[in-house]
Full PDB file with SEQRES, HELIX, SHEET, SSBOND, CRYST1, ORIGX, SCALE, CONECT and MASTER records, all heavy atoms in Angstrom:
SEQRES   1 A   38  ASP GLY ARG ALA ASP ASP ALA PRO ALA LEU GLN ARG ALA          
SEQRES   2 A   38  LEU ASP SER CYS PRO ASP ASP ARG VAL VAL PHE LEU PRO          
SEQRES   3 A   38  ALA GLY THR TYR ARG LEU GLY ARG GLY LEU ARG THR              
HELIX    1 AA1 ALA A    7  SER A   16  1                                  10    
CRYST1    1.000    1.000    1.000  90.00  90.00  90.00 P 1           1          
ORIGX1      1.000000  0.000000  0.000000        0.00000                         
ORIGX2      0.000000  1.000000  0.000000        0.00000                         
ORIGX3      0.000000  0.000000  1.000000        0.00000                         
SCALE1      1.000000  0.000000  0.000000        0.00000                         
SCALE2      0.000000  1.000000  0.000000        0.00000                         
SCALE3      0.000000  0.000000  1.000000        0.00000                         
ATOM      1  N   ASP A   1     -20.613   5.292  24.739  1.00  0.00           N  
ATOM      2  CA  ASP A   1     -21.414   4.765  25.849  1.00  0.00           C  
ATOM      3  C   ASP A   1     -20.638   4.692  27.171  1.00  0.00           C  
ATOM      4  O   ASP A   1     -21.167   4.226  28.171  1.00  0.00           O  
ATOM      5  CB  ASP A   1     -21.947   3.377  25.495  1.00  0.00           C  
ATOM      6  CG  ASP A   1     -20.858   2.346  25.250  1.00  0.00           C  
ATOM      7  OD1 ASP A   1     -19.649   2.640  25.429  1.00  0.00           O  
ATOM      8  OD2 ASP A   1     -21.205   1.213  24.853  1.00  0.00           O  
ATOM      9  N   GLY A   2     -19.375   5.112  27.162  1.00  0.00           N  
ATOM     10  CA  GLY A   2     -18.563   5.081  28.368  1.00  0.00           C  
ATOM     11  C   GLY A   2     -17.975   3.723  28.689  1.00  0.00           C  
ATOM     12  O   GLY A   2     -17.221   3.583  29.641  1.00  0.00           O  
ATOM     13  N   ARG A   3     -18.327   2.700  27.910  1.00  0.00           N  
ATOM     14  CA  ARG A   3     -17.814   1.342  28.160  1.00  0.00           C  
ATOM     15  C   ARG A   3     -16.849   0.904  27.064  1.00  0.00           C  
ATOM     16  O   ARG A   3     -15.771   0.419  27.348  1.00  0.00           O  
ATOM     17  CB  ARG A   3     -18.967   0.360  28.278  1.00  0.00           C  
ATOM     18  CG  ARG A   3     -19.829   0.584  29.518  1.00  0.00           C  
ATOM     19  CD  ARG A   3     -20.926  -0.457  29.688  1.00  0.00           C  
ATOM     20  NE  ARG A   3     -21.799  -0.613  28.531  1.00  0.00           N  
ATOM     21  CZ  ARG A   3     -22.876   0.127  28.273  1.00  0.00           C  
ATOM     22  NH1 ARG A   3     -23.206   1.091  29.106  1.00  0.00           N  
ATOM     23  NH2 ARG A   3     -23.610  -0.094  27.216  1.00  0.00           N  
ATOM     24  N   ALA A   4     -17.246   1.050  25.821  1.00  0.00           N  
ATOM     25  CA  ALA A   4     -16.397   0.630  24.698  1.00  0.00           C  
ATOM     26  C   ALA A   4     -15.211   1.586  24.572  1.00  0.00           C  
ATOM     27  O   ALA A   4     -15.328   2.783  24.852  1.00  0.00           O  
ATOM     28  CB  ALA A   4     -17.211   0.633  23.410  1.00  0.00           C  
ATOM     29  N   ASP A   5     -14.069   1.055  24.154  1.00  0.00           N  
ATOM     30  CA  ASP A   5     -12.896   1.895  23.912  1.00  0.00           C  
ATOM     31  C   ASP A   5     -13.073   2.561  22.549  1.00  0.00           C  
ATOM     32  O   ASP A   5     -12.960   1.917  21.508  1.00  0.00           O  
ATOM     33  CB  ASP A   5     -11.625   1.051  23.944  1.00  0.00           C  
ATOM     34  CG  ASP A   5     -10.361   1.880  23.768  1.00  0.00           C  
ATOM     35  OD1 ASP A   5     -10.457   3.117  23.620  1.00  0.00           O  
ATOM     36  OD2 ASP A   5      -9.267   1.294  23.773  1.00  0.00           O  
ATOM     37  N   ASP A   6     -13.342   3.852  22.545  1.00  0.00           N  
ATOM     38  CA  ASP A   6     -13.572   4.598  21.311  1.00  0.00           C  
ATOM     39  C   ASP A   6     -12.296   5.167  20.705  1.00  0.00           C  
ATOM     40  O   ASP A   6     -12.340   5.747  19.618  1.00  0.00           O  
ATOM     41  CB  ASP A   6     -14.565   5.738  21.576  1.00  0.00           C  
ATOM     42  CG  ASP A   6     -15.982   5.242  21.798  1.00  0.00           C  
ATOM     43  OD1 ASP A   6     -16.415   4.337  21.066  1.00  0.00           O  
ATOM     44  OD2 ASP A   6     -16.658   5.761  22.704  1.00  0.00           O  
ATOM     45  N   ALA A   7     -11.158   5.012  21.373  1.00  0.00           N  
ATOM     46  CA  ALA A   7      -9.918   5.618  20.889  1.00  0.00           C  
ATOM     47  C   ALA A   7      -9.522   5.154  19.486  1.00  0.00           C  
ATOM     48  O   ALA A   7      -9.167   5.994  18.657  1.00  0.00           O  
ATOM     49  CB  ALA A   7      -8.777   5.376  21.880  1.00  0.00           C  
ATOM     50  N   PRO A   8      -9.559   3.850  19.152  1.00  0.00           N  
ATOM     51  CA  PRO A   8      -9.134   3.455  17.804  1.00  0.00           C  
ATOM     52  C   PRO A   8      -9.971   4.095  16.696  1.00  0.00           C  
ATOM     53  O   PRO A   8      -9.424   4.625  15.726  1.00  0.00           O  
ATOM     54  CB  PRO A   8      -9.282   1.929  17.818  1.00  0.00           C  
ATOM     55  CG  PRO A   8      -9.146   1.548  19.258  1.00  0.00           C  
ATOM     56  CD  PRO A   8      -9.811   2.674  20.006  1.00  0.00           C  
ATOM     57  N   ALA A   9     -11.288   4.090  16.830  1.00  0.00           N  
ATOM     58  CA  ALA A   9     -12.148   4.676  15.798  1.00  0.00           C  
ATOM     59  C   ALA A   9     -11.980   6.192  15.749  1.00  0.00           C  
ATOM     60  O   ALA A   9     -11.936   6.784  14.660  1.00  0.00           O  
ATOM     61  CB  ALA A   9     -13.609   4.321  16.055  1.00  0.00           C  
ATOM     62  N   LEU A  10     -11.851   6.811  16.902  1.00  0.00           N  
ATOM     63  CA  LEU A  10     -11.688   8.256  16.938  1.00  0.00           C  
ATOM     64  C   LEU A  10     -10.348   8.661  16.321  1.00  0.00           C  
ATOM     65  O   LEU A  10     -10.267   9.647  15.579  1.00  0.00           O  
ATOM     66  CB  LEU A  10     -11.806   8.757  18.375  1.00  0.00           C  
ATOM     67  CG  LEU A  10     -11.930  10.246  18.580  1.00  0.00           C  
ATOM     68  CD1 LEU A  10     -12.985  10.873  17.674  1.00  0.00           C  
ATOM     69  CD2 LEU A  10     -12.233  10.546  20.030  1.00  0.00           C  
ATOM     70  N   GLN A  11      -9.308   7.890  16.574  1.00  0.00           N  
ATOM     71  CA  GLN A  11      -8.005   8.189  15.957  1.00  0.00           C  
ATOM     72  C   GLN A  11      -8.080   8.023  14.444  1.00  0.00           C  
ATOM     73  O   GLN A  11      -7.537   8.842  13.701  1.00  0.00           O  
ATOM     74  CB  GLN A  11      -6.899   7.299  16.536  1.00  0.00           C  
ATOM     75  CG  GLN A  11      -5.517   7.675  16.042  1.00  0.00           C  
ATOM     76  CD  GLN A  11      -5.118   9.070  16.483  1.00  0.00           C  
ATOM     77  OE1 GLN A  11      -5.026   9.352  17.673  1.00  0.00           O  
ATOM     78  NE2 GLN A  11      -4.879   9.972  15.533  1.00  0.00           N  
ATOM     79  N   ARG A  12      -8.767   6.987  13.964  1.00  0.00           N  
ATOM     80  CA  ARG A  12      -8.936   6.812  12.509  1.00  0.00           C  
ATOM     81  C   ARG A  12      -9.696   7.996  11.909  1.00  0.00           C  
ATOM     82  O   ARG A  12      -9.372   8.472  10.817  1.00  0.00           O  
ATOM     83  CB  ARG A  12      -9.648   5.504  12.198  1.00  0.00           C  
ATOM     84  CG  ARG A  12      -8.743   4.283  12.291  1.00  0.00           C  
ATOM     85  CD  ARG A  12      -9.398   3.033  11.737  1.00  0.00           C  
ATOM     86  NE  ARG A  12     -10.529   2.596  12.540  1.00  0.00           N  
ATOM     87  CZ  ARG A  12     -10.448   1.806  13.605  1.00  0.00           C  
ATOM     88  NH1 ARG A  12      -9.268   1.346  14.001  1.00  0.00           N  
ATOM     89  NH2 ARG A  12     -11.528   1.456  14.271  1.00  0.00           N  
ATOM     90  N   ALA A  13     -10.709   8.487  12.621  1.00  0.00           N  
ATOM     91  CA  ALA A  13     -11.470   9.644  12.138  1.00  0.00           C  
ATOM     92  C   ALA A  13     -10.571  10.879  12.054  1.00  0.00           C  
ATOM     93  O   ALA A  13     -10.603  11.607  11.060  1.00  0.00           O  
ATOM     94  CB  ALA A  13     -12.672   9.909  13.043  1.00  0.00           C  
ATOM     95  N   LEU A  14      -9.758  11.110  13.075  1.00  0.00           N  
ATOM     96  CA  LEU A  14      -8.841  12.248  13.062  1.00  0.00           C  
ATOM     97  C   LEU A  14      -7.814  12.111  11.944  1.00  0.00           C  
ATOM     98  O   LEU A  14      -7.507  13.084  11.248  1.00  0.00           O  
ATOM     99  CB  LEU A  14      -8.135  12.379  14.413  1.00  0.00           C  
ATOM    100  CG  LEU A  14      -8.991  12.866  15.570  1.00  0.00           C  
ATOM    101  CD1 LEU A  14      -8.276  12.649  16.903  1.00  0.00           C  
ATOM    102  CD2 LEU A  14      -9.360  14.329  15.386  1.00  0.00           C  
ATOM    103  N   ASP A  15      -7.294  10.906  11.750  1.00  0.00           N  
ATOM    104  CA  ASP A  15      -6.289  10.671  10.704  1.00  0.00           C  
ATOM    105  C   ASP A  15      -6.882  10.835   9.304  1.00  0.00           C  
ATOM    106  O   ASP A  15      -6.187  11.244   8.376  1.00  0.00           O  
ATOM    107  CB  ASP A  15      -5.690   9.264  10.828  1.00  0.00           C  
ATOM    108  CG  ASP A  15      -4.827   9.096  12.070  1.00  0.00           C  
ATOM    109  OD1 ASP A  15      -4.435  10.112  12.687  1.00  0.00           O  
ATOM    110  OD2 ASP A  15      -4.561   7.930  12.437  1.00  0.00           O  
ATOM    111  N   SER A  16      -8.153  10.518   9.125  1.00  0.00           N  
ATOM    112  CA  SER A  16      -8.814  10.575   7.821  1.00  0.00           C  
ATOM    113  C   SER A  16      -9.389  11.950   7.501  1.00  0.00           C  
ATOM    114  O   SER A  16      -9.734  12.225   6.348  1.00  0.00           O  
ATOM    115  CB  SER A  16      -9.973   9.570   7.773  1.00  0.00           C  
ATOM    116  OG  SER A  16      -9.517   8.275   8.029  1.00  0.00           O  
ATOM    117  N   CYS A  17      -9.523  12.783   8.488  1.00  0.00           N  
ATOM    118  CA  CYS A  17     -10.195  14.070   8.334  1.00  0.00           C  
ATOM    119  C   CYS A  17      -9.378  15.019   7.448  1.00  0.00           C  
ATOM    120  O   CYS A  17      -8.205  15.271   7.720  1.00  0.00           O  
ATOM    121  CB  CYS A  17     -10.413  14.706   9.707  1.00  0.00           C  
ATOM    122  SG  CYS A  17     -11.425  16.201   9.665  1.00  0.00           S  
ATOM    123  N   PRO A  18     -10.004  15.567   6.409  1.00  0.00           N  
ATOM    124  CA  PRO A  18      -9.303  16.561   5.581  1.00  0.00           C  
ATOM    125  C   PRO A  18      -9.023  17.833   6.376  1.00  0.00           C  
ATOM    126  O   PRO A  18      -9.698  18.123   7.368  1.00  0.00           O  
ATOM    127  CB  PRO A  18     -10.302  16.855   4.450  1.00  0.00           C  
ATOM    128  CG  PRO A  18     -11.287  15.746   4.484  1.00  0.00           C  
ATOM    129  CD  PRO A  18     -11.339  15.263   5.897  1.00  0.00           C  
ATOM    130  N   ASP A  19      -8.045  18.597   5.920  1.00  0.00           N  
ATOM    131  CA  ASP A  19      -7.718  19.865   6.564  1.00  0.00           C  
ATOM    132  C   ASP A  19      -8.946  20.768   6.652  1.00  0.00           C  
ATOM    133  O   ASP A  19      -9.797  20.768   5.751  1.00  0.00           O  
ATOM    134  CB  ASP A  19      -6.633  20.605   5.771  1.00  0.00           C  
ATOM    135  CG  ASP A  19      -5.297  19.885   5.811  1.00  0.00           C  
ATOM    136  OD1 ASP A  19      -5.180  18.872   6.520  1.00  0.00           O  
ATOM    137  OD2 ASP A  19      -4.368  20.343   5.120  1.00  0.00           O  
ATOM    138  N   ASP A  20      -9.006  21.539   7.720  1.00  0.00           N  
ATOM    139  CA  ASP A  20     -10.060  22.532   7.950  1.00  0.00           C  
ATOM    140  C   ASP A  20     -11.451  21.941   8.085  1.00  0.00           C  
ATOM    141  O   ASP A  20     -12.444  22.610   7.801  1.00  0.00           O  
ATOM    142  CB  ASP A  20     -10.039  23.611   6.858  1.00  0.00           C  
ATOM    143  CG  ASP A  20      -8.744  24.400   6.869  1.00  0.00           C  
ATOM    144  OD1 ASP A  20      -8.260  24.718   7.975  1.00  0.00           O  
ATOM    145  OD2 ASP A  20      -8.202  24.682   5.788  1.00  0.00           O  
ATOM    146  N   ARG A  21     -11.546  20.696   8.517  1.00  0.00           N  
ATOM    147  CA  ARG A  21     -12.838  20.056   8.744  1.00  0.00           C  
ATOM    148  C   ARG A  21     -12.957  19.669  10.211  1.00  0.00           C  
ATOM    149  O   ARG A  21     -12.016  19.752  10.985  1.00  0.00           O  
ATOM    150  CB  ARG A  21     -12.997  18.808   7.874  1.00  0.00           C  
ATOM    151  CG  ARG A  21     -12.962  19.081   6.391  1.00  0.00           C  
ATOM    152  CD  ARG A  21     -14.219  19.825   5.951  1.00  0.00           C  
ATOM    153  NE  ARG A  21     -14.178  20.217   4.574  1.00  0.00           N  
ATOM    154  CZ  ARG A  21     -14.773  19.583   3.586  1.00  0.00           C  
ATOM    155  NH1 ARG A  21     -15.466  18.496   3.808  1.00  0.00           N  
ATOM    156  NH2 ARG A  21     -14.677  20.041   2.356  1.00  0.00           N  
ATOM    157  N   VAL A  22     -14.149  19.177  10.576  1.00  0.00           N  
ATOM    158  CA  VAL A  22     -14.477  18.862  11.964  1.00  0.00           C  
ATOM    159  C   VAL A  22     -14.796  17.387  12.127  1.00  0.00           C  
ATOM    160  O   VAL A  22     -15.534  16.815  11.330  1.00  0.00           O  
ATOM    161  CB  VAL A  22     -15.710  19.696  12.420  1.00  0.00           C  
ATOM    162  CG1 VAL A  22     -16.182  19.288  13.805  1.00  0.00           C  
ATOM    163  CG2 VAL A  22     -15.404  21.182  12.354  1.00  0.00           C  
ATOM    164  N   VAL A  23     -14.232  16.776  13.163  1.00  0.00           N  
ATOM    165  CA  VAL A  23     -14.658  15.456  13.624  1.00  0.00           C  
ATOM    166  C   VAL A  23     -15.598  15.752  14.787  1.00  0.00           C  
ATOM    167  O   VAL A  23     -15.193  16.333  15.801  1.00  0.00           O  
ATOM    168  CB  VAL A  23     -13.468  14.588  14.078  1.00  0.00           C  
ATOM    169  CG1 VAL A  23     -13.953  13.300  14.715  1.00  0.00           C  
ATOM    170  CG2 VAL A  23     -12.540  14.298  12.905  1.00  0.00           C  
ATOM    171  N   PHE A  24     -16.876  15.404  14.621  1.00  0.00           N  
ATOM    172  CA  PHE A  24     -17.901  15.762  15.596  1.00  0.00           C  
ATOM    173  C   PHE A  24     -18.249  14.593  16.505  1.00  0.00           C  
ATOM    174  O   PHE A  24     -18.524  13.486  16.037  1.00  0.00           O  
ATOM    175  CB  PHE A  24     -19.162  16.250  14.885  1.00  0.00           C  
ATOM    176  CG  PHE A  24     -20.259  16.616  15.832  1.00  0.00           C  
ATOM    177  CD1 PHE A  24     -20.122  17.683  16.709  1.00  0.00           C  
ATOM    178  CD2 PHE A  24     -21.432  15.891  15.865  1.00  0.00           C  
ATOM    179  CE1 PHE A  24     -21.136  18.022  17.599  1.00  0.00           C  
ATOM    180  CE2 PHE A  24     -22.456  16.210  16.749  1.00  0.00           C  
ATOM    181  CZ  PHE A  24     -22.298  17.284  17.614  1.00  0.00           C  
ATOM    182  N   LEU A  25     -18.233  14.857  17.807  1.00  0.00           N  
ATOM    183  CA  LEU A  25     -18.611  13.887  18.821  1.00  0.00           C  
ATOM    184  C   LEU A  25     -19.935  14.333  19.439  1.00  0.00           C  
ATOM    185  O   LEU A  25     -19.963  15.276  20.226  1.00  0.00           O  
ATOM    186  CB  LEU A  25     -17.568  13.797  19.935  1.00  0.00           C  
ATOM    187  CG  LEU A  25     -16.280  13.061  19.633  1.00  0.00           C  
ATOM    188  CD1 LEU A  25     -15.385  13.854  18.715  1.00  0.00           C  
ATOM    189  CD2 LEU A  25     -15.572  12.737  20.919  1.00  0.00           C  
ATOM    190  N   PRO A  26     -21.051  13.690  19.071  1.00  0.00           N  
ATOM    191  CA  PRO A  26     -22.332  14.044  19.679  1.00  0.00           C  
ATOM    192  C   PRO A  26     -22.311  13.753  21.180  1.00  0.00           C  
ATOM    193  O   PRO A  26     -21.361  13.150  21.693  1.00  0.00           O  
ATOM    194  CB  PRO A  26     -23.331  13.128  18.983  1.00  0.00           C  
ATOM    195  CG  PRO A  26     -22.644  12.609  17.788  1.00  0.00           C  
ATOM    196  CD  PRO A  26     -21.174  12.636  18.095  1.00  0.00           C  
ATOM    197  N   ALA A  27     -23.347  14.142  21.866  1.00  0.00           N  
ATOM    198  CA  ALA A  27     -23.440  13.910  23.306  1.00  0.00           C  
ATOM    199  C   ALA A  27     -23.188  12.436  23.624  1.00  0.00           C  
ATOM    200  O   ALA A  27     -23.656  11.549  22.918  1.00  0.00           O  
ATOM    201  CB  ALA A  27     -24.812  14.336  23.815  1.00  0.00           C  
ATOM    202  N   GLY A  28     -22.416  12.203  24.663  1.00  0.00           N  
ATOM    203  CA  GLY A  28     -22.099  10.849  25.102  1.00  0.00           C  
ATOM    204  C   GLY A  28     -20.809  10.866  25.895  1.00  0.00           C  
ATOM    205  O   GLY A  28     -20.159  11.899  26.035  1.00  0.00           O  
ATOM    206  N   THR A  29     -20.437   9.702  26.411  1.00  0.00           N  
ATOM    207  CA  THR A  29     -19.174   9.545  27.129  1.00  0.00           C  
ATOM    208  C   THR A  29     -18.288   8.639  26.297  1.00  0.00           C  
ATOM    209  O   THR A  29     -18.647   7.490  26.019  1.00  0.00           O  
ATOM    210  CB  THR A  29     -19.403   8.947  28.528  1.00  0.00           C  
ATOM    211  OG1 THR A  29     -20.242   9.852  29.272  1.00  0.00           O  
ATOM    212  CG2 THR A  29     -18.093   8.753  29.275  1.00  0.00           C  
ATOM    213  N   TYR A  30     -17.160   9.161  25.882  1.00  0.00           N  
ATOM    214  CA  TYR A  30     -16.227   8.454  25.014  1.00  0.00           C  
ATOM    215  C   TYR A  30     -15.036   8.003  25.842  1.00  0.00           C  
ATOM    216  O   TYR A  30     -14.260   8.820  26.331  1.00  0.00           O  
ATOM    217  CB  TYR A  30     -15.783   9.362  23.866  1.00  0.00           C  
ATOM    218  CG  TYR A  30     -16.943   9.788  22.999  1.00  0.00           C  
ATOM    219  CD1 TYR A  30     -17.749  10.864  23.359  1.00  0.00           C  
ATOM    220  CD2 TYR A  30     -17.258   9.087  21.849  1.00  0.00           C  
ATOM    221  CE1 TYR A  30     -18.833  11.232  22.592  1.00  0.00           C  
ATOM    222  CE2 TYR A  30     -18.349   9.443  21.067  1.00  0.00           C  
ATOM    223  CZ  TYR A  30     -19.129  10.521  21.454  1.00  0.00           C  
ATOM    224  OH  TYR A  30     -20.203  10.889  20.685  1.00  0.00           O  
ATOM    225  N   ARG A  31     -14.916   6.683  26.018  1.00  0.00           N  
ATOM    226  CA  ARG A  31     -13.801   6.137  26.799  1.00  0.00           C  
ATOM    227  C   ARG A  31     -12.614   5.971  25.873  1.00  0.00           C  
ATOM    228  O   ARG A  31     -12.735   5.428  24.773  1.00  0.00           O  
ATOM    229  CB  ARG A  31     -14.164   4.784  27.411  1.00  0.00           C  
ATOM    230  CG  ARG A  31     -13.070   4.255  28.348  1.00  0.00           C  
ATOM    231  CD  ARG A  31     -13.480   2.963  29.029  1.00  0.00           C  
ATOM    232  NE  ARG A  31     -13.517   1.836  28.132  1.00  0.00           N  
ATOM    233  CZ  ARG A  31     -12.454   1.112  27.775  1.00  0.00           C  
ATOM    234  NH1 ARG A  31     -11.253   1.423  28.223  1.00  0.00           N  
ATOM    235  NH2 ARG A  31     -12.590   0.076  26.970  1.00  0.00           N  
ATOM    236  N   LEU A  32     -11.466   6.473  26.310  1.00  0.00           N  
ATOM    237  CA  LEU A  32     -10.241   6.386  25.533  1.00  0.00           C  
ATOM    238  C   LEU A  32      -9.255   5.483  26.253  1.00  0.00           C  
ATOM    239  O   LEU A  32      -8.833   5.790  27.361  1.00  0.00           O  
ATOM    240  CB  LEU A  32      -9.632   7.782  25.338  1.00  0.00           C  
ATOM    241  CG  LEU A  32     -10.557   8.837  24.742  1.00  0.00           C  
ATOM    242  CD1 LEU A  32      -9.855  10.179  24.680  1.00  0.00           C  
ATOM    243  CD2 LEU A  32     -11.056   8.408  23.375  1.00  0.00           C  
ATOM    244  N   GLY A  33      -8.892   4.389  25.614  1.00  0.00           N  
ATOM    245  CA  GLY A  33      -7.915   3.474  26.186  1.00  0.00           C  
ATOM    246  C   GLY A  33      -6.494   3.926  25.925  1.00  0.00           C  
ATOM    247  O   GLY A  33      -5.541   3.319  26.406  1.00  0.00           O  
ATOM    248  N   ARG A  34      -6.341   5.000  25.168  1.00  0.00           N  
ATOM    249  CA  ARG A  34      -5.021   5.584  24.893  1.00  0.00           C  
ATOM    250  C   ARG A  34      -5.236   7.025  24.461  1.00  0.00           C  
ATOM    251  O   ARG A  34      -6.350   7.441  24.173  1.00  0.00           O  
ATOM    252  CB  ARG A  34      -4.285   4.803  23.811  1.00  0.00           C  
ATOM    253  CG  ARG A  34      -5.005   4.791  22.473  1.00  0.00           C  
ATOM    254  CD  ARG A  34      -4.224   3.962  21.449  1.00  0.00           C  
ATOM    255  NE  ARG A  34      -4.956   3.713  20.239  1.00  0.00           N  
ATOM    256  CZ  ARG A  34      -4.963   4.514  19.179  1.00  0.00           C  
ATOM    257  NH1 ARG A  34      -4.282   5.638  19.200  1.00  0.00           N  
ATOM    258  NH2 ARG A  34      -5.638   4.194  18.088  1.00  0.00           N  
ATOM    259  N   GLY A  35      -4.151   7.778  24.406  1.00  0.00           N  
ATOM    260  CA  GLY A  35      -4.236   9.168  23.977  1.00  0.00           C  
ATOM    261  C   GLY A  35      -4.505   9.280  22.487  1.00  0.00           C  
ATOM    262  O   GLY A  35      -4.392   8.296  21.744  1.00  0.00           O  
ATOM    263  N   LEU A  36      -4.850  10.471  22.054  1.00  0.00           N  
ATOM    264  CA  LEU A  36      -5.124  10.743  20.648  1.00  0.00           C  
ATOM    265  C   LEU A  36      -4.080  11.712  20.100  1.00  0.00           C  
ATOM    266  O   LEU A  36      -3.542  12.530  20.838  1.00  0.00           O  
ATOM    267  CB  LEU A  36      -6.511  11.363  20.486  1.00  0.00           C  
ATOM    268  CG  LEU A  36      -7.679  10.533  20.977  1.00  0.00           C  
ATOM    269  CD1 LEU A  36      -8.960  11.354  20.932  1.00  0.00           C  
ATOM    270  CD2 LEU A  36      -7.824   9.269  20.143  1.00  0.00           C  
ATOM    271  N   ARG A  37      -3.835  11.614  18.796  1.00  0.00           N  
ATOM    272  CA  ARG A  37      -2.914  12.527  18.120  1.00  0.00           C  
ATOM    273  C   ARG A  37      -3.694  13.334  17.085  1.00  0.00           C  
ATOM    274  O   ARG A  37      -4.528  12.784  16.374  1.00  0.00           O  
ATOM    275  CB  ARG A  37      -1.816  11.751  17.382  1.00  0.00           C  
ATOM    276  CG  ARG A  37      -0.906  10.940  18.271  1.00  0.00           C  
ATOM    277  CD  ARG A  37       0.067  10.086  17.463  1.00  0.00           C  
ATOM    278  NE  ARG A  37      -0.511   9.428  16.294  1.00  0.00           N  
ATOM    279  CZ  ARG A  37      -1.240   8.299  16.315  1.00  0.00           C  
ATOM    280  NH1 ARG A  37      -1.485   7.703  17.460  1.00  0.00           N  
ATOM    281  NH2 ARG A  37      -1.715   7.774  15.206  1.00  0.00           N  
ATOM    282  N   THR A  38      -3.388  14.609  16.995  1.00  0.00           N  
ATOM    283  CA  THR A  38      -3.981  15.445  15.955  1.00  0.00           C  
ATOM    284  C   THR A  38      -2.867  15.918  15.029  1.00  0.00           C  
ATOM    285  O   THR A  38      -1.690  15.783  15.345  1.00  0.00           O  
ATOM    286  CB  THR A  38      -4.714  16.667  16.547  1.00  0.00           C  
ATOM    287  OG1 THR A  38      -3.776  17.438  17.287  1.00  0.00           O  
ATOM    288  CG2 THR A  38      -5.860  16.242  17.447  1.00  0.00           C  
TER     289      THR A  38                                                      
MASTER        0    0    0    1    0    0    0    6  288    1    0    3          
END                                                                             
């Protein structure tokens, strides 16, 4: 929604994602309070 900090949940999704799979972000504005690691 562009307001909530989505970085923690998005990082957990990336960390949990099995190899060769996709973490999908539908249309929206994702505010990141910090960088992400892949």
